């Protein structure tokens, strides 16, 4: 099983799609340099914050399931 290990070559503002096999973001552009949105993004510069080791990737079309653990009795 491959552990999720994001590539270190990503920049603030990168967007794209997730490669299902590797879990890596395939960069398709950057909001700060993309021709259609760079002017809007300039009004909202990145804000430096402390580094975190928690990453979230939202998934759509996911169903919630209820499950109970069997205690073997």
Protein backbone atom coordinates (compact mmCIF):
# COMPACT_ATOMS: atom_id res chain seq x y z
CA UNK A 1 0.00 0.00 0.00
CA UNK A 2 1.40 3.40 -0.99
CA UNK A 3 1.39 6.10 1.67
CA UNK A 4 0.10 9.52 0.70
CA UNK A 5 3.12 11.75 0.18
CA UNK A 6 2.39 15.05 -1.57
CA UNK A 7 5.00 16.36 -3.96
CA UNK A 8 7.10 19.25 -2.69
CA UNK A 9 7.01 21.03 -6.05
CA UNK A 10 3.58 22.60 -5.51
CA UNK A 11 3.16 26.34 -5.10
CA UNK A 12 0.57 28.40 -3.26
CA UNK A 13 -2.38 28.84 -5.62
CA UNK A 14 -1.82 25.69 -7.69
CA UNK A 15 -4.99 23.96 -8.86
CA UNK A 16 -5.73 20.86 -10.87
CA UNK A 17 -6.88 17.29 -10.45
CA UNK A 18 -5.82 14.43 -8.18
CA UNK A 19 -4.12 11.42 -9.77
CA UNK A 20 -6.15 8.55 -8.32
CA UNK A 21 -3.25 6.07 -8.46
CA UNK A 22 -0.64 8.28 -6.75
CA UNK A 23 -2.80 10.71 -4.74
CA UNK A 24 -0.74 13.58 -6.15
CA UNK A 25 -2.12 16.85 -7.47
CA UNK A 26 -1.63 17.16 -11.23
CA UNK A 27 -1.18 20.93 -11.54
CA UNK A 28 -3.21 22.52 -14.33
CA UNK A 29 -2.52 26.12 -13.39
CA UNK A 30 -2.07 28.62 -10.62
CA UNK A 31 -4.61 31.23 -9.51
CA UNK A 32 -1.84 33.83 -9.19
CA UNK A 33 -0.54 33.40 -12.75
CA UNK A 34 -3.55 32.10 -14.73
CA UNK A 35 -4.54 34.68 -17.35
CA UNK A 36 -8.26 34.64 -16.52
CA UNK A 37 -7.99 34.95 -12.73
CA UNK A 38 -4.61 36.51 -11.88
CA UNK A 39 -6.09 40.03 -11.61
CA UNK A 40 -8.66 38.84 -9.07
CA UNK A 41 -6.07 36.77 -7.18
CA UNK A 42 -3.77 39.81 -6.92
CA UNK A 43 -6.36 41.33 -4.59
CA UNK A 44 -5.97 38.30 -2.28
CA UNK A 45 -2.24 37.58 -1.80
CA UNK A 46 -1.13 34.48 0.13
CA UNK A 47 -0.88 34.93 3.88
CA UNK A 48 2.12 33.17 5.47
CA UNK A 49 1.05 30.78 8.22
CA UNK A 50 2.81 28.09 10.26
CA UNK A 51 3.42 24.83 8.43
CA UNK A 52 0.97 22.05 9.25
CA UNK A 53 1.14 18.32 8.77
CA UNK A 54 -2.61 17.92 8.35
CA UNK A 55 -3.93 17.83 4.79
CA UNK A 56 -7.54 17.70 3.69
CA UNK A 57 -8.83 16.62 0.30
CA UNK A 58 -12.58 17.05 -0.16
CA UNK A 59 -14.41 14.22 -1.92
CA UNK A 60 -17.77 14.57 -3.58
CA UNK A 61 -20.37 11.87 -4.22
CA UNK A 62 -19.38 10.03 -1.04
CA UNK A 63 -22.02 8.13 0.94
CA UNK A 64 -22.11 7.82 4.71
CA UNK A 65 -22.36 4.27 6.02
CA UNK A 66 -23.30 3.06 9.48
CA UNK A 67 -21.31 0.14 10.83
CA UNK A 68 -21.13 -1.60 14.19
CA UNK A 69 -18.12 -3.49 15.44
CA UNK A 70 -18.75 -7.13 16.30
CA UNK A 71 -17.31 -7.86 19.73
CA UNK A 72 -17.29 -11.61 19.00
CA UNK A 73 -19.90 -12.52 21.60
